[in-house]
Amino acid sequence: MSSDDSENVKAYIMLSVKLGKTNDVLAKLKQIPNVTSVAVITGEYDIIVRVETVTMDEMYNRTQEIHLIEGILETNTSVIQKEF
């Protein structure tokens, strides 16, 4: 990543996971490059993932890798526009 974090592309990806697959999904998420945080949450989604990349193309590649994880039913990606 570049030394200026404000230039990086950052996103939160919320995941709905098939019942009983949370631990499997967590293990696979930890192996994906640029995943900086993974948390099991309550509410509409089961897991939230933070991803930081240098380019939007790289962000696209990381989200595609996440989409291919067996046990994920749905994703919702929110790119961070400004962070304080």
PDB file of N, CA and C in Angstrom:
ATOM      1  N   MET A   1       0.827  -1.177   0.000  1.00  0.00           N
ATOM      2  CA  MET A   1       0.000   0.000   0.000  1.00  0.00           C
ATOM      3  C   MET A   1       0.874   1.243   0.000  1.00  0.00           C
ATOM      4  N   SER A   2       0.318   2.327  -0.489  1.00  0.00           N
ATOM      5  CA  SER A   2       1.074   3.564  -0.510  1.00  0.00           C
ATOM      6  C   SER A   2       1.218   4.112   0.898  1.00  0.00           C
ATOM      7  N   SER A   3       2.168   5.013   1.079  1.00  0.00           N
ATOM      8  CA  SER A   3       2.400   5.574   2.402  1.00  0.00           C
ATOM      9  C   SER A   3       1.288   6.532   2.807  1.00  0.00           C
ATOM     10  N   ASP A   4       0.537   7.067   1.846  1.00  0.00           N
ATOM     11  CA  ASP A   4      -0.561   7.982   2.147  1.00  0.00           C
ATOM     12  C   ASP A   4      -1.862   7.197   2.169  1.00  0.00           C
ATOM     13  N   ASP A   5      -2.336   6.846   3.389  1.00  0.00           N
ATOM     14  CA  ASP A   5      -3.534   6.024   3.520  1.00  0.00           C
ATOM     15  C   ASP A   5      -4.772   6.660   2.903  1.00  0.00           C
ATOM     16  N   SER A   6      -4.811   7.989   2.785  1.00  0.00           N
ATOM     17  CA  SER A   6      -5.996   8.637   2.230  1.00  0.00           C
ATOM     18  C   SER A   6      -6.176   8.295   0.751  1.00  0.00           C
ATOM     19  N   GLU A   7      -5.126   7.815   0.108  1.00  0.00           N
ATOM     20  CA  GLU A   7      -5.182   7.458  -1.305  1.00  0.00           C
ATOM     21  C   GLU A   7      -5.673   6.023  -1.510  1.00  0.00           C
ATOM     22  N   ASN A   8      -5.685   5.237  -0.459  1.00  0.00           N
ATOM     23  CA  ASN A   8      -6.105   3.844  -0.575  1.00  0.00           C
ATOM     24  C   ASN A   8      -7.619   3.742  -0.711  1.00  0.00           C
ATOM     25  N   VAL A   9      -8.067   2.658  -1.320  1.00  0.00           N
ATOM     26  CA  VAL A   9      -9.488   2.355  -1.412  1.00  0.00           C
ATOM     27  C   VAL A   9      -9.835   1.464  -0.229  1.00  0.00           C
ATOM     28  N   LYS A  10     -10.841   1.875   0.539  1.00  0.00           N
ATOM     29  CA  LYS A  10     -11.243   1.119   1.719  1.00  0.00           C
ATOM     30  C   LYS A  10     -12.729   0.819   1.620  1.00  0.00           C
ATOM     31  N   ALA A  11     -13.109  -0.352   2.101  1.00  0.00           N
ATOM     32  CA  ALA A  11     -14.526  -0.730   2.039  1.00  0.00           C
ATOM     33  C   ALA A  11     -14.882  -1.648   3.188  1.00  0.00           C
ATOM     34  N   TYR A  12     -16.152  -1.598   3.553  1.00  0.00           N
ATOM     35  CA  TYR A  12     -16.734  -2.574   4.464  1.00  0.00           C
ATOM     36  C   TYR A  12     -17.604  -3.492   3.628  1.00  0.00           C
ATOM     37  N   ILE A  13     -17.464  -4.782   3.854  1.00  0.00           N
ATOM     38  CA  ILE A  13     -18.285  -5.762   3.145  1.00  0.00           C
ATOM     39  C   ILE A  13     -19.055  -6.545   4.199  1.00  0.00           C
ATOM     40  N   MET A  14     -20.383  -6.450   4.133  1.00  0.00           N
ATOM     41  CA  MET A  14     -21.244  -7.171   5.053  1.00  0.00           C
ATOM     42  C   MET A  14     -21.658  -8.484   4.397  1.00  0.00           C
ATOM     43  N   LEU A  15     -21.623  -9.566   5.171  1.00  0.00           N
ATOM     44  CA  LEU A  15     -21.892 -10.892   4.630  1.00  0.00           C
ATOM     45  C   LEU A  15     -23.029 -11.571   5.366  1.00  0.00           C
ATOM     46  N   SER A  16     -23.918 -12.185   4.614  1.00  0.00           N
ATOM     47  CA  SER A  16     -24.892 -13.123   5.174  1.00  0.00           C
ATOM     48  C   SER A  16     -24.331 -14.514   4.927  1.00  0.00           C
ATOM     49  N   VAL A  17     -24.323 -15.322   5.979  1.00  0.00           N
ATOM     50  CA  VAL A  17     -23.673 -16.631   5.911  1.00  0.00           C
ATOM     51  C   VAL A  17     -24.686 -17.740   6.167  1.00  0.00           C
ATOM     52  N   LYS A  18     -24.531 -18.825   5.426  1.00  0.00           N
ATOM     53  CA  LYS A  18     -25.373 -20.003   5.608  1.00  0.00           C
ATOM     54  C   LYS A  18     -25.207 -20.540   7.027  1.00  0.00           C
ATOM     55  N   LEU A  19     -26.306 -20.927   7.640  1.00  0.00           N
ATOM     56  CA  LEU A  19     -26.312 -21.442   8.999  1.00  0.00           C
ATOM     57  C   LEU A  19     -25.283 -22.563   9.155  1.00  0.00           C
ATOM     58  N   GLY A  20     -24.435 -22.451  10.161  1.00  0.00           N
ATOM     59  CA  GLY A  20     -23.426 -23.467  10.438  1.00  0.00           C
ATOM     60  C   GLY A  20     -22.120 -23.293   9.685  1.00  0.00           C
ATOM     61  N   LYS A  21     -21.998 -22.266   8.849  1.00  0.00           N
ATOM     62  CA  LYS A  21     -20.794 -22.070   8.031  1.00  0.00           C
ATOM     63  C   LYS A  21     -19.920 -20.902   8.482  1.00  0.00           C
ATOM     64  N   THR A  22     -20.278 -20.255   9.594  1.00  0.00           N
ATOM     65  CA  THR A  22     -19.547 -19.053  10.020  1.00  0.00           C
ATOM     66  C   THR A  22     -18.063 -19.321  10.214  1.00  0.00           C
ATOM     67  N   ASN A  23     -17.697 -20.356  10.947  1.00  0.00           N
ATOM     68  CA  ASN A  23     -16.275 -20.629  11.206  1.00  0.00           C
ATOM     69  C   ASN A  23     -15.509 -20.944   9.929  1.00  0.00           C
ATOM     70  N   ASP A  24     -16.128 -21.655   8.999  1.00  0.00           N
ATOM     71  CA  ASP A  24     -15.484 -21.958   7.716  1.00  0.00           C
ATOM     72  C   ASP A  24     -15.230 -20.672   6.925  1.00  0.00           C
ATOM     73  N   VAL A  25     -16.234 -19.801   6.892  1.00  0.00           N
ATOM     74  CA  VAL A  25     -16.107 -18.532   6.171  1.00  0.00           C
ATOM     75  C   VAL A  25     -15.024 -17.668   6.818  1.00  0.00           C
ATOM     76  N   LEU A  26     -15.012 -17.583   8.144  1.00  0.00           N
ATOM     77  CA  LEU A  26     -13.989 -16.796   8.847  1.00  0.00           C
ATOM     78  C   LEU A  26     -12.588 -17.276   8.496  1.00  0.00           C
ATOM     79  N   ALA A  27     -12.379 -18.569   8.484  1.00  0.00           N
ATOM     80  CA  ALA A  27     -11.059 -19.127   8.172  1.00  0.00           C
ATOM     81  C   ALA A  27     -10.614 -18.729   6.770  1.00  0.00           C
ATOM     82  N   LYS A  28     -11.527 -18.741   5.821  1.00  0.00           N
ATOM     83  CA  LYS A  28     -11.176 -18.389   4.439  1.00  0.00           C
ATOM     84  C   LYS A  28     -10.949 -16.893   4.277  1.00  0.00           C
ATOM     85  N   LEU A  29     -11.731 -16.075   4.989  1.00  0.00           N
ATOM     86  CA  LEU A  29     -11.557 -14.627   4.907  1.00  0.00           C
ATOM     87  C   LEU A  29     -10.177 -14.211   5.398  1.00  0.00           C
ATOM     88  N   LYS A  30      -9.678 -14.874   6.431  1.00  0.00           N
ATOM     89  CA  LYS A  30      -8.371 -14.539   7.002  1.00  0.00           C
ATOM     90  C   LYS A  30      -7.233 -14.781   6.013  1.00  0.00           C
ATOM     91  N   GLN A  31      -7.465 -15.587   4.998  1.00  0.00           N
ATOM     92  CA  GLN A  31      -6.437 -15.920   4.009  1.00  0.00           C
ATOM     93  C   GLN A  31      -6.402 -14.945   2.833  1.00  0.00           C
ATOM     94  N   ILE A  32      -7.396 -14.070   2.724  1.00  0.00           N
ATOM     95  CA  ILE A  32      -7.483 -13.171   1.574  1.00  0.00           C
ATOM     96  C   ILE A  32      -6.616 -11.936   1.812  1.00  0.00           C
ATOM     97  N   PRO A  33      -5.747 -11.614   0.844  1.00  0.00           N
ATOM     98  CA  PRO A  33      -4.906 -10.418   0.984  1.00  0.00           C
ATOM     99  C   PRO A  33      -5.760  -9.158   1.110  1.00  0.00           C
ATOM    100  N   ASN A  34      -5.264  -8.182   1.834  1.00  0.00           N
ATOM    101  CA  ASN A  34      -5.890  -6.872   2.004  1.00  0.00           C
ATOM    102  C   ASN A  34      -7.096  -6.858   2.937  1.00  0.00           C
ATOM    103  N   VAL A  35      -7.462  -8.000   3.511  1.00  0.00           N
ATOM    104  CA  VAL A  35      -8.505  -8.013   4.534  1.00  0.00           C
ATOM    105  C   VAL A  35      -7.839  -7.558   5.826  1.00  0.00           C
ATOM    106  N   THR A  36      -8.289  -6.419   6.364  1.00  0.00           N
ATOM    107  CA  THR A  36      -7.637  -5.843   7.544  1.00  0.00           C
ATOM    108  C   THR A  36      -8.420  -6.091   8.825  1.00  0.00           C
ATOM    109  N   SER A  37      -9.685  -6.479   8.716  1.00  0.00           N
ATOM    110  CA  SER A  37     -10.495  -6.734   9.904  1.00  0.00           C
ATOM    111  C   SER A  37     -11.662  -7.631   9.532  1.00  0.00           C
ATOM    112  N   VAL A  38     -11.975  -8.553  10.422  1.00  0.00           N
ATOM    113  CA  VAL A  38     -13.130  -9.438  10.252  1.00  0.00           C
ATOM    114  C   VAL A  38     -13.834  -9.525  11.603  1.00  0.00           C
ATOM    115  N   ALA A  39     -15.151  -9.312  11.626  1.00  0.00           N
ATOM    116  CA  ALA A  39     -15.901  -9.382  12.876  1.00  0.00           C
ATOM    117  C   ALA A  39     -17.230 -10.087  12.655  1.00  0.00           C
ATOM    118  N   VAL A  40     -17.586 -10.934  13.595  1.00  0.00           N
ATOM    119  CA  VAL A  40     -18.911 -11.538  13.613  1.00  0.00           C
ATOM    120  C   VAL A  40     -19.820 -10.530  14.305  1.00  0.00           C
ATOM    121  N   ILE A  41     -20.955 -10.224  13.680  1.00  0.00           N
ATOM    122  CA  ILE A  41     -21.844  -9.187  14.196  1.00  0.00           C
ATOM    123  C   ILE A  41     -23.274  -9.703  14.319  1.00  0.00           C
ATOM    124  N   THR A  42     -24.104  -8.918  14.993  1.00  0.00           N
ATOM    125  CA  THR A  42     -25.527  -9.226  15.083  1.00  0.00           C
ATOM    126  C   THR A  42     -26.284  -8.302  14.138  1.00  0.00           C
ATOM    127  N   GLY A  43     -27.510  -8.670  13.832  1.00  0.00           N
ATOM    128  CA  GLY A  43     -28.323  -7.830  12.966  1.00  0.00           C
ATOM    129  C   GLY A  43     -28.588  -8.495  11.636  1.00  0.00           C
ATOM    130  N   GLU A  44     -28.778  -7.673  10.633  1.00  0.00           N
ATOM    131  CA  GLU A  44     -29.143  -8.166   9.300  1.00  0.00           C
ATOM    132  C   GLU A  44     -28.047  -9.040   8.684  1.00  0.00           C
ATOM    133  N   TYR A  45     -26.789  -8.714   8.981  1.00  0.00           N
ATOM    134  CA  TYR A  45     -25.661  -9.472   8.433  1.00  0.00           C
ATOM    135  C   TYR A  45     -24.966 -10.235   9.545  1.00  0.00           C
ATOM    136  N   ASP A  46     -24.180 -11.238   9.157  1.00  0.00           N
ATOM    137  CA  ASP A  46     -23.499 -12.112  10.118  1.00  0.00           C
ATOM    138  C   ASP A  46     -22.040 -11.733  10.351  1.00  0.00           C
ATOM    139  N   ILE A  47     -21.392 -11.227   9.303  1.00  0.00           N
ATOM    140  CA  ILE A  47     -19.960 -10.892   9.367  1.00  0.00           C
ATOM    141  C   ILE A  47     -19.754  -9.559   8.661  1.00  0.00           C
ATOM    142  N   ILE A  48     -18.843  -8.748   9.205  1.00  0.00           N
ATOM    143  CA  ILE A  48     -18.412  -7.534   8.512  1.00  0.00           C
ATOM    144  C   ILE A  48     -16.900  -7.631   8.299  1.00  0.00           C
ATOM    145  N   VAL A  49     -16.474  -7.284   7.101  1.00  0.00           N
ATOM    146  CA  VAL A  49     -15.079  -7.379   6.700  1.00  0.00           C
ATOM    147  C   VAL A  49     -14.618  -6.003   6.241  1.00  0.00           C
ATOM    148  N   ARG A  50     -13.429  -5.610   6.651  1.00  0.00           N
ATOM    149  CA  ARG A  50     -12.841  -4.366   6.156  1.00  0.00           C
ATOM    150  C   ARG A  50     -11.710  -4.751   5.200  1.00  0.00           C
ATOM    151  N   VAL A  51     -11.717  -4.131   4.039  1.00  0.00           N
ATOM    152  CA  VAL A  51     -10.712  -4.398   3.014  1.00  0.00           C
ATOM    153  C   VAL A  51     -10.069  -3.070   2.630  1.00  0.00           C
ATOM    154  N   GLU A  52      -8.735  -3.058   2.500  1.00  0.00           N
ATOM    155  CA  GLU A  52      -7.997  -1.870   2.071  1.00  0.00           C
ATOM    156  C   GLU A  52      -7.091  -2.246   0.912  1.00  0.00           C
ATOM    157  N   THR A  53      -7.246  -1.544  -0.205  1.00  0.00           N
ATOM    158  CA  THR A  53      -6.432  -1.805  -1.391  1.00  0.00           C
ATOM    159  C   THR A  53      -5.879  -0.496  -1.933  1.00  0.00           C
ATOM    160  N   VAL A  54      -4.992  -0.600  -2.899  1.00  0.00           N
ATOM    161  CA  VAL A  54      -4.399   0.584  -3.509  1.00  0.00           C
ATOM    162  C   VAL A  54      -5.277   1.109  -4.638  1.00  0.00           C
ATOM    163  N   THR A  55      -5.920   0.205  -5.384  1.00  0.00           N
ATOM    164  CA  THR A  55      -6.721   0.613  -6.543  1.00  0.00           C
ATOM    165  C   THR A  55      -8.114  -0.005  -6.484  1.00  0.00           C
ATOM    166  N   MET A  56      -9.022   0.558  -7.256  1.00  0.00           N
ATOM    167  CA  MET A  56     -10.368  -0.021  -7.359  1.00  0.00           C
ATOM    168  C   MET A  56     -10.325  -1.385  -8.043  1.00  0.00           C
ATOM    169  N   ASP A  57      -9.427  -1.569  -8.996  1.00  0.00           N
ATOM    170  CA  ASP A  57      -9.290  -2.881  -9.631  1.00  0.00           C
ATOM    171  C   ASP A  57      -8.918  -3.949  -8.609  1.00  0.00           C
ATOM    172  N   GLU A  58      -8.012  -3.604  -7.711  1.00  0.00           N
ATOM    173  CA  GLU A  58      -7.619  -4.538  -6.668  1.00  0.00           C
ATOM    174  C   GLU A  58      -8.791  -4.797  -5.712  1.00  0.00           C
ATOM    175  N   MET A  59      -9.573  -3.756  -5.407  1.00  0.00           N
ATOM    176  CA  MET A  59     -10.760  -3.934  -4.560  1.00  0.00           C
ATOM    177  C   MET A  59     -11.742  -4.882  -5.245  1.00  0.00           C
ATOM    178  N   TYR A  60     -11.921  -4.719  -6.539  1.00  0.00           N
ATOM    179  CA  TYR A  60     -12.803  -5.609  -7.303  1.00  0.00           C
ATOM    180  C   TYR A  60     -12.321  -7.059  -7.183  1.00  0.00           C
ATOM    181  N   ASN A  61     -11.025  -7.271  -7.317  1.00  0.00           N
ATOM    182  CA  ASN A  61     -10.478  -8.623  -7.216  1.00  0.00           C
ATOM    183  C   ASN A  61     -10.709  -9.230  -5.839  1.00  0.00           C
ATOM    184  N   ARG A  62     -10.514  -8.437  -4.785  1.00  0.00           N
ATOM    185  CA  ARG A  62     -10.734  -8.948  -3.428  1.00  0.00           C
ATOM    186  C   ARG A  62     -12.208  -9.280  -3.204  1.00  0.00           C
ATOM    187  N   THR A  63     -13.119  -8.440  -3.684  1.00  0.00           N
ATOM    188  CA  THR A  63     -14.540  -8.736  -3.495  1.00  0.00           C
ATOM    189  C   THR A  63     -14.940  -9.977  -4.279  1.00  0.00           C
ATOM    190  N   GLN A  64     -14.347 -10.179  -5.449  1.00  0.00           N
ATOM    191  CA  GLN A  64     -14.631 -11.388  -6.217  1.00  0.00           C
ATOM    192  C   GLN A  64     -14.159 -12.630  -5.472  1.00  0.00           C
ATOM    193  N   GLU A  65     -12.995 -12.553  -4.831  1.00  0.00           N
ATOM    194  CA  GLU A  65     -12.506 -13.675  -4.027  1.00  0.00           C
ATOM    195  C   GLU A  65     -13.473 -13.986  -2.886  1.00  0.00           C
ATOM    196  N   ILE A  66     -13.971 -12.941  -2.251  1.00  0.00           N
ATOM    197  CA  ILE A  66     -14.925 -13.135  -1.149  1.00  0.00           C
ATOM    198  C   ILE A  66     -16.208 -13.772  -1.660  1.00  0.00           C
ATOM    199  N   HIS A  67     -16.692 -13.326  -2.804  1.00  0.00           N
ATOM    200  CA  HIS A  67     -17.923 -13.879  -3.377  1.00  0.00           C
ATOM    201  C   HIS A  67     -17.823 -15.378  -3.643  1.00  0.00           C
ATOM    202  N   LEU A  68     -16.626 -15.873  -3.878  1.00  0.00           N
ATOM    203  CA  LEU A  68     -16.437 -17.280  -4.207  1.00  0.00           C
ATOM    204  C   LEU A  68     -16.353 -18.202  -2.989  1.00  0.00           C
ATOM    205  N   ILE A  69     -16.356 -17.625  -1.790  1.00  0.00           N
ATOM    206  CA  ILE A  69     -16.261 -18.442  -0.581  1.00  0.00           C
ATOM    207  C   ILE A  69     -17.563 -19.205  -0.370  1.00  0.00           C
ATOM    208  N   GLU A  70     -17.445 -20.522  -0.250  1.00  0.00           N
ATOM    209  CA  GLU A  70     -18.611 -21.364  -0.028  1.00  0.00           C
ATOM    210  C   GLU A  70     -19.216 -21.056   1.338  1.00  0.00           C
ATOM    211  N   GLY A  71     -20.521 -20.891   1.373  1.00  0.00           N
ATOM    212  CA  GLY A  71     -21.224 -20.609   2.613  1.00  0.00           C
ATOM    213  C   GLY A  71     -21.724 -19.179   2.712  1.00  0.00           C
ATOM    214  N   ILE A  72     -21.235 -18.296   1.833  1.00  0.00           N
ATOM    215  CA  ILE A  72     -21.727 -16.921   1.819  1.00  0.00           C
ATOM    216  C   ILE A  72     -22.971 -16.866   0.942  1.00  0.00           C
ATOM    217  N   LEU A  73     -24.051 -16.342   1.500  1.00  0.00           N
ATOM    218  CA  LEU A  73     -25.315 -16.260   0.785  1.00  0.00           C
ATOM    219  C   LEU A  73     -25.495 -14.925   0.069  1.00  0.00           C
ATOM    220  N   GLU A  74     -25.000 -13.844   0.689  1.00  0.00           N
ATOM    221  CA  GLU A  74     -25.216 -12.499   0.151  1.00  0.00           C
ATOM    222  C   GLU A  74     -24.123 -11.582   0.670  1.00  0.00           C
ATOM    223  N   THR A  75     -23.762 -10.574  -0.144  1.00  0.00           N
ATOM    224  CA  THR A  75     -22.817  -9.560   0.307  1.00  0.00           C
ATOM    225  C   THR A  75     -23.389  -8.181   0.024  1.00  0.00           C
ATOM    226  N   ASN A  76     -22.896  -7.202   0.779  1.00  0.00           N
ATOM    227  CA  ASN A  76     -23.238  -5.803   0.560  1.00  0.00           C
ATOM    228  C   ASN A  76     -21.962  -5.015   0.805  1.00  0.00           C
ATOM    229  N   THR A  77     -21.429  -4.397  -0.250  1.00  0.00           N
ATOM    230  CA  THR A  77     -20.159  -3.687  -0.162  1.00  0.00           C
ATOM    231  C   THR A  77     -20.392  -2.185  -0.116  1.00  0.00           C
ATOM    232  N   SER A  78     -19.747  -1.521   0.853  1.00  0.00           N
ATOM    233  CA  SER A  78     -19.818  -0.068   0.978  1.00  0.00           C
ATOM    234  C   SER A  78     -18.398   0.484   0.963  1.00  0.00           C
ATOM    235  N   VAL A  79     -18.066   1.222  -0.104  1.00  0.00           N
ATOM    236  CA  VAL A  79     -16.749   1.852  -0.212  1.00  0.00           C
ATOM    237  C   VAL A  79     -16.759   3.102   0.660  1.00  0.00           C
ATOM    238  N   ILE A  80     -15.700   3.275   1.429  1.00  0.00           N
ATOM    239  CA  ILE A  80     -15.584   4.432   2.317  1.00  0.00           C
ATOM    240  C   ILE A  80     -15.161   5.647   1.494  1.00  0.00           C
ATOM    241  N   GLN A  81     -15.973   6.699   1.550  1.00  0.00           N
ATOM    242  CA  GLN A  81     -15.642   7.919   0.817  1.00  0.00           C
ATOM    243  C   GLN A  81     -14.757   8.851   1.641  1.00  0.00           C
ATOM    244  N   LYS A  82     -15.030   8.955   2.923  1.00  0.00           N
ATOM    245  CA  LYS A  82     -14.257   9.826   3.809  1.00  0.00           C
ATOM    246  C   LYS A  82     -14.289   9.202   5.195  1.00  0.00           C
ATOM    247  N   GLU A  83     -13.156   9.274   5.870  1.00  0.00           N
ATOM    248  CA  GLU A  83     -13.058   8.646   7.191  1.00  0.00           C
ATOM    249  C   GLU A  83     -12.396   9.615   8.158  1.00  0.00           C
ATOM    250  N   PHE A  84     -12.881   9.636   9.375  1.00  0.00           N
ATOM    251  CA  PHE A  84     -12.353  10.562  10.405  1.00  0.00           C
ATOM    252  C   PHE A  84     -11.738   9.793  11.537  1.00  0.00           C
TER     253      PHE A  84
END
